[in-house]
Amino acid sequence: MTRRDVLRLDDILRAIGETRFVTEGVDRETFISDVMRRNSVSMSILMISEAARHLPESLKATRPEIPWADLVGIGNSLRHTYFRIDYDALWTICSDKLDPLEHAARQMLAGQSE
């Protein structure tokens, strides 16, 4: 794993932490109605997407349970159709999808594949 790969995985973990900080103790309705939380989470998900986009395929292949193409696609959607962001989908990512990604990123950094 290269230094750049390590930095990108660190970026993913940092963005996950920021997302959790912003959404801690918040329910779906509060999240969707709070423009600052939505914008913060949108930026964090964009950062995760961008970092994932630049990870080598060989590294991503060690964690096939992570939907890497979907992560990249979310970033493309946030970048190009920002005026139609599906905040319900972002909430689902925050509440259901970050734990497996965090686990995978930590194991990748530790040099594990399981």
N, C-alpha and C. Protein backbone atom coordinates (compact mmCIF):
# COMPACT_ATOMS: atom_id res chain seq x y z
N MET A 1 0.85 -1.18 0.00
CA MET A 1 0.00 0.00 0.00
C MET A 1 0.90 1.24 0.00
N THR A 2 0.56 2.19 -0.86
CA THR A 2 1.37 3.40 -0.96
C THR A 2 0.95 4.41 0.10
N ARG A 3 1.79 5.42 0.25
CA ARG A 3 1.47 6.50 1.19
C ARG A 3 0.17 7.19 0.78
N ARG A 4 -0.03 7.38 -0.52
CA ARG A 4 -1.28 8.00 -0.99
C ARG A 4 -2.50 7.16 -0.61
N ASP A 5 -2.36 5.85 -0.72
CA ASP A 5 -3.47 4.98 -0.32
C ASP A 5 -3.79 5.16 1.16
N VAL A 6 -2.76 5.22 1.97
CA VAL A 6 -2.95 5.42 3.41
C VAL A 6 -3.64 6.75 3.67
N LEU A 7 -3.22 7.79 2.98
CA LEU A 7 -3.84 9.11 3.16
C LEU A 7 -5.31 9.09 2.74
N ARG A 8 -5.61 8.39 1.67
CA ARG A 8 -7.01 8.32 1.22
C ARG A 8 -7.87 7.54 2.21
N LEU A 9 -7.34 6.46 2.74
CA LEU A 9 -8.09 5.72 3.76
C LEU A 9 -8.27 6.56 5.02
N ASP A 10 -7.24 7.32 5.37
CA ASP A 10 -7.37 8.25 6.51
C ASP A 10 -8.45 9.30 6.23
N ASP A 11 -8.51 9.79 4.99
CA ASP A 11 -9.55 10.75 4.61
C ASP A 11 -10.94 10.15 4.79
N ILE A 12 -11.09 8.89 4.37
CA ILE A 12 -12.37 8.20 4.52
C ILE A 12 -12.75 8.12 6.00
N LEU A 13 -11.81 7.71 6.83
CA LEU A 13 -12.09 7.58 8.26
C LEU A 13 -12.40 8.93 8.91
N ARG A 14 -11.68 9.96 8.51
CA ARG A 14 -11.94 11.30 9.06
C ARG A 14 -13.34 11.78 8.66
N ALA A 15 -13.71 11.58 7.40
CA ALA A 15 -15.03 12.01 6.94
C ALA A 15 -16.14 11.23 7.62
N ILE A 16 -15.91 9.95 7.87
CA ILE A 16 -16.90 9.16 8.62
C ILE A 16 -17.05 9.74 10.02
N GLY A 17 -15.95 10.05 10.67
CA GLY A 17 -16.00 10.64 12.01
C GLY A 17 -16.73 11.96 12.02
N GLU A 18 -16.49 12.79 11.03
CA GLU A 18 -17.17 14.09 10.95
C GLU A 18 -18.67 13.90 10.74
N THR A 19 -19.02 12.93 9.91
CA THR A 19 -20.44 12.65 9.67
C THR A 19 -21.12 12.18 10.94
N ARG A 20 -20.45 11.31 11.66
CA ARG A 20 -21.03 10.83 12.93
C ARG A 20 -21.18 11.97 13.94
N PHE A 21 -20.20 12.85 13.99
CA PHE A 21 -20.26 13.99 14.91
C PHE A 21 -21.49 14.86 14.61
N VAL A 22 -21.71 15.12 13.35
CA VAL A 22 -22.80 16.01 12.93
C VAL A 22 -24.17 15.36 13.10
N THR A 23 -24.22 14.03 13.00
CA THR A 23 -25.52 13.35 13.07
C THR A 23 -25.79 12.67 14.41
N GLU A 24 -24.85 12.76 15.35
CA GLU A 24 -25.03 12.11 16.65
C GLU A 24 -26.26 12.68 17.37
N GLY A 25 -27.13 11.79 17.80
CA GLY A 25 -28.32 12.19 18.54
C GLY A 25 -29.39 12.86 17.70
N VAL A 26 -29.25 12.77 16.39
CA VAL A 26 -30.19 13.44 15.48
C VAL A 26 -31.03 12.38 14.78
N ASP A 27 -32.33 12.65 14.66
CA ASP A 27 -33.17 11.72 13.91
C ASP A 27 -33.28 12.19 12.45
N ARG A 28 -33.89 11.35 11.64
CA ARG A 28 -33.99 11.61 10.21
C ARG A 28 -34.66 12.96 9.92
N GLU A 29 -35.75 13.23 10.58
CA GLU A 29 -36.49 14.47 10.32
C GLU A 29 -35.66 15.71 10.64
N THR A 30 -34.95 15.66 11.76
CA THR A 30 -34.09 16.79 12.14
C THR A 30 -32.98 16.97 11.11
N PHE A 31 -32.37 15.87 10.70
CA PHE A 31 -31.32 15.93 9.70
C PHE A 31 -31.83 16.58 8.42
N ILE A 32 -32.95 16.11 7.92
CA ILE A 32 -33.47 16.60 6.65
C ILE A 32 -33.88 18.06 6.73
N SER A 33 -34.32 18.51 7.89
CA SER A 33 -34.76 19.91 8.02
C SER A 33 -33.62 20.88 8.34
N ASP A 34 -32.43 20.38 8.63
CA ASP A 34 -31.31 21.22 9.05
C ASP A 34 -30.30 21.38 7.91
N VAL A 35 -30.33 22.52 7.26
CA VAL A 35 -29.49 22.74 6.09
C VAL A 35 -28.00 22.63 6.41
N MET A 36 -27.57 23.07 7.58
CA MET A 36 -26.14 22.97 7.92
C MET A 36 -25.71 21.51 8.09
N ARG A 37 -26.53 20.71 8.72
CA ARG A 37 -26.21 19.28 8.85
C ARG A 37 -26.19 18.61 7.48
N ARG A 38 -27.19 18.90 6.66
CA ARG A 38 -27.24 18.31 5.32
C ARG A 38 -26.01 18.68 4.51
N ASN A 39 -25.64 19.95 4.55
CA ASN A 39 -24.47 20.38 3.78
C ASN A 39 -23.19 19.76 4.31
N SER A 40 -23.06 19.66 5.62
CA SER A 40 -21.88 19.04 6.21
C SER A 40 -21.77 17.58 5.80
N VAL A 41 -22.87 16.85 5.92
CA VAL A 41 -22.85 15.44 5.55
C VAL A 41 -22.62 15.28 4.05
N SER A 42 -23.22 16.13 3.24
CA SER A 42 -22.99 16.07 1.80
C SER A 42 -21.51 16.21 1.48
N MET A 43 -20.85 17.15 2.12
CA MET A 43 -19.42 17.35 1.89
C MET A 43 -18.61 16.15 2.37
N SER A 44 -18.96 15.60 3.51
CA SER A 44 -18.24 14.43 4.02
C SER A 44 -18.40 13.23 3.10
N ILE A 45 -19.61 13.01 2.61
CA ILE A 45 -19.84 11.90 1.68
C ILE A 45 -19.09 12.14 0.38
N LEU A 46 -19.05 13.39 -0.06
CA LEU A 46 -18.27 13.72 -1.25
C LEU A 46 -16.79 13.42 -1.03
N MET A 47 -16.27 13.73 0.14
CA MET A 47 -14.87 13.43 0.46
C MET A 47 -14.62 11.92 0.47
N ILE A 48 -15.54 11.17 1.04
CA ILE A 48 -15.42 9.70 1.05
C ILE A 48 -15.40 9.19 -0.39
N SER A 49 -16.32 9.69 -1.19
CA SER A 49 -16.41 9.27 -2.58
C SER A 49 -15.12 9.57 -3.35
N GLU A 50 -14.61 10.76 -3.17
CA GLU A 50 -13.39 11.15 -3.88
C GLU A 50 -12.21 10.30 -3.45
N ALA A 51 -12.09 10.05 -2.17
CA ALA A 51 -10.99 9.20 -1.69
C ALA A 51 -11.14 7.78 -2.25
N ALA A 52 -12.36 7.25 -2.24
CA ALA A 52 -12.60 5.90 -2.77
C ALA A 52 -12.29 5.83 -4.26
N ARG A 53 -12.61 6.88 -4.97
CA ARG A 53 -12.37 6.92 -6.42
C ARG A 53 -10.90 6.76 -6.74
N HIS A 54 -10.04 7.26 -5.88
CA HIS A 54 -8.60 7.24 -6.14
C HIS A 54 -7.87 6.04 -5.54
N LEU A 55 -8.57 5.19 -4.81
CA LEU A 55 -7.93 3.97 -4.31
C LEU A 55 -7.72 3.01 -5.48
N PRO A 56 -6.61 2.30 -5.49
CA PRO A 56 -6.38 1.35 -6.59
C PRO A 56 -7.39 0.19 -6.55
N GLU A 57 -7.75 -0.28 -7.73
CA GLU A 57 -8.70 -1.39 -7.83
C GLU A 57 -8.21 -2.61 -7.07
N SER A 58 -6.91 -2.84 -7.10
CA SER A 58 -6.37 -4.01 -6.40
C SER A 58 -6.62 -3.93 -4.90
N LEU A 59 -6.58 -2.75 -4.34
CA LEU A 59 -6.85 -2.58 -2.91
C LEU A 59 -8.34 -2.73 -2.63
N LYS A 60 -9.17 -2.11 -3.46
CA LYS A 60 -10.62 -2.23 -3.28
C LYS A 60 -11.08 -3.68 -3.42
N ALA A 61 -10.40 -4.44 -4.26
CA ALA A 61 -10.77 -5.84 -4.47
C ALA A 61 -10.60 -6.68 -3.21
N THR A 62 -9.79 -6.21 -2.27
CA THR A 62 -9.63 -6.96 -1.01
C THR A 62 -10.85 -6.82 -0.12
N ARG A 63 -11.73 -5.89 -0.43
CA ARG A 63 -12.95 -5.66 0.35
C ARG A 63 -14.16 -5.64 -0.59
N PRO A 64 -14.49 -6.79 -1.17
CA PRO A 64 -15.58 -6.83 -2.16
C PRO A 64 -16.97 -6.55 -1.58
N GLU A 65 -17.10 -6.61 -0.26
CA GLU A 65 -18.41 -6.34 0.36
C GLU A 65 -18.75 -4.85 0.35
N ILE A 66 -17.78 -4.02 0.06
CA ILE A 66 -18.02 -2.57 -0.01
C ILE A 66 -18.43 -2.20 -1.43
N PRO A 67 -19.53 -1.50 -1.62
CA PRO A 67 -19.97 -1.12 -2.96
C PRO A 67 -19.19 0.10 -3.48
N TRP A 68 -17.94 -0.13 -3.85
CA TRP A 68 -17.05 0.96 -4.25
C TRP A 68 -17.61 1.79 -5.39
N ALA A 69 -18.16 1.12 -6.40
CA ALA A 69 -18.72 1.86 -7.55
C ALA A 69 -19.87 2.76 -7.10
N ASP A 70 -20.68 2.28 -6.16
CA ASP A 70 -21.77 3.11 -5.65
C ASP A 70 -21.24 4.33 -4.89
N LEU A 71 -20.16 4.13 -4.14
CA LEU A 71 -19.55 5.26 -3.42
C LEU A 71 -19.09 6.34 -4.39
N VAL A 72 -18.45 5.91 -5.46
CA VAL A 72 -18.00 6.87 -6.47
C VAL A 72 -19.20 7.53 -7.13
N GLY A 73 -20.23 6.75 -7.41
CA GLY A 73 -21.43 7.29 -8.04
C GLY A 73 -22.13 8.34 -7.19
N ILE A 74 -22.15 8.13 -5.89
CA ILE A 74 -22.75 9.12 -4.99
C ILE A 74 -22.02 10.45 -5.11
N GLY A 75 -20.70 10.38 -5.17
CA GLY A 75 -19.92 11.61 -5.33
C GLY A 75 -20.23 12.32 -6.63
N ASN A 76 -20.35 11.54 -7.70
CA ASN A 76 -20.70 12.14 -8.99
C ASN A 76 -22.05 12.83 -8.91
N SER A 77 -22.99 12.19 -8.25
CA SER A 77 -24.31 12.78 -8.09
C SER A 77 -24.25 14.07 -7.27
N LEU A 78 -23.50 14.06 -6.18
CA LEU A 78 -23.38 15.26 -5.35
C LEU A 78 -22.70 16.40 -6.12
N ARG A 79 -21.74 16.05 -6.95
CA ARG A 79 -21.02 17.09 -7.71
C ARG A 79 -21.87 17.68 -8.83
N HIS A 80 -22.61 16.82 -9.51
CA HIS A 80 -23.25 17.26 -10.75
C HIS A 80 -24.75 17.52 -10.65
N THR A 81 -25.39 16.96 -9.64
CA THR A 81 -26.83 17.22 -9.47
C THR A 81 -27.10 17.68 -8.04
N TYR A 82 -26.24 18.54 -7.56
CA TYR A 82 -26.32 19.04 -6.18
C TYR A 82 -27.66 19.70 -5.88
N PHE A 83 -28.35 20.17 -6.89
CA PHE A 83 -29.63 20.85 -6.70
C PHE A 83 -30.78 19.85 -6.52
N ARG A 84 -30.48 18.54 -6.67
CA ARG A 84 -31.50 17.50 -6.49
C ARG A 84 -31.00 16.40 -5.56
N ILE A 85 -30.33 16.75 -4.52
CA ILE A 85 -29.78 15.75 -3.61
C ILE A 85 -30.92 15.05 -2.88
N ASP A 86 -30.82 13.74 -2.81
CA ASP A 86 -31.79 12.92 -2.09
C ASP A 86 -31.31 12.79 -0.64
N TYR A 87 -31.85 13.63 0.23
CA TYR A 87 -31.39 13.64 1.62
C TYR A 87 -31.82 12.40 2.39
N ASP A 88 -32.90 11.76 1.97
CA ASP A 88 -33.26 10.47 2.56
C ASP A 88 -32.16 9.45 2.29
N ALA A 89 -31.65 9.45 1.07
CA ALA A 89 -30.56 8.52 0.72
C ALA A 89 -29.31 8.84 1.53
N LEU A 90 -29.01 10.12 1.71
CA LEU A 90 -27.85 10.48 2.53
C LEU A 90 -28.05 10.01 3.97
N TRP A 91 -29.26 10.16 4.49
CA TRP A 91 -29.53 9.69 5.85
C TRP A 91 -29.32 8.18 5.95
N THR A 92 -29.76 7.46 4.94
CA THR A 92 -29.57 6.01 4.93
C THR A 92 -28.09 5.66 4.94
N ILE A 93 -27.31 6.39 4.18
CA ILE A 93 -25.86 6.16 4.19
C ILE A 93 -25.31 6.38 5.60
N CYS A 94 -25.71 7.49 6.21
CA CYS A 94 -25.22 7.81 7.56
C CYS A 94 -25.61 6.75 8.57
N SER A 95 -26.83 6.28 8.48
CA SER A 95 -27.34 5.38 9.52
C SER A 95 -27.03 3.91 9.26
N ASP A 96 -26.78 3.52 8.01
CA ASP A 96 -26.64 2.10 7.70
C ASP A 96 -25.33 1.70 7.02
N LYS A 97 -24.67 2.60 6.35
CA LYS A 97 -23.58 2.20 5.46
C LYS A 97 -22.18 2.55 5.95
N LEU A 98 -22.07 3.40 6.93
CA LEU A 98 -20.73 3.86 7.33
C LEU A 98 -19.97 2.84 8.17
N ASP A 99 -20.66 2.06 8.98
CA ASP A 99 -19.97 1.08 9.83
C ASP A 99 -19.16 0.07 9.01
N PRO A 100 -19.76 -0.57 7.98
CA PRO A 100 -18.96 -1.51 7.19
C PRO A 100 -17.79 -0.84 6.47
N LEU A 101 -17.99 0.38 6.00
CA LEU A 101 -16.91 1.09 5.32
C LEU A 101 -15.79 1.42 6.31
N GLU A 102 -16.16 1.87 7.49
CA GLU A 102 -15.14 2.17 8.49
C GLU A 102 -14.34 0.91 8.85
N HIS A 103 -15.04 -0.18 9.05
CA HIS A 103 -14.38 -1.44 9.39
C HIS A 103 -13.41 -1.85 8.28
N ALA A 104 -13.85 -1.76 7.04
CA ALA A 104 -13.01 -2.13 5.90
C ALA A 104 -11.78 -1.22 5.82
N ALA A 105 -11.98 0.07 5.97
CA ALA A 105 -10.85 1.02 5.88
C ALA A 105 -9.84 0.75 6.99
N ARG A 106 -10.32 0.48 8.18
CA ARG A 106 -9.40 0.20 9.29
C ARG A 106 -8.61 -1.09 9.03
N GLN A 107 -9.28 -2.10 8.51
CA GLN A 107 -8.58 -3.35 8.22
C GLN A 107 -7.59 -3.18 7.07
N MET A 108 -7.96 -2.39 6.09
CA MET A 108 -7.02 -2.13 4.99
C MET A 108 -5.76 -1.46 5.53
N LEU A 109 -5.96 -0.48 6.41
CA LEU A 109 -4.81 0.20 7.00
C LEU A 109 -3.96 -0.74 7.84
N ALA A 110 -4.60 -1.70 8.45
CA ALA A 110 -3.87 -2.68 9.27
C ALA A 110 -3.22 -3.76 8.40
N GLY A 111 -3.50 -3.73 7.09
CA GLY A 111 -2.92 -4.72 6.19
C GLY A 111 -3.64 -6.05 6.20
N GLN A 112 -4.89 -6.03 6.65
CA GLN A 112 -5.69 -7.25 6.70
C GLN A 112 -6.68 -7.27 5.55
N SER A 113 -7.13 -8.43 5.20
CA SER A 113 -8.16 -8.53 4.17
C SER A 113 -9.44 -9.16 4.69
N GLU A 114 -9.43 -9.61 5.89
CA GLU A 114 -10.63 -10.23 6.48
C GLU A 114 -11.24 -9.32 7.51
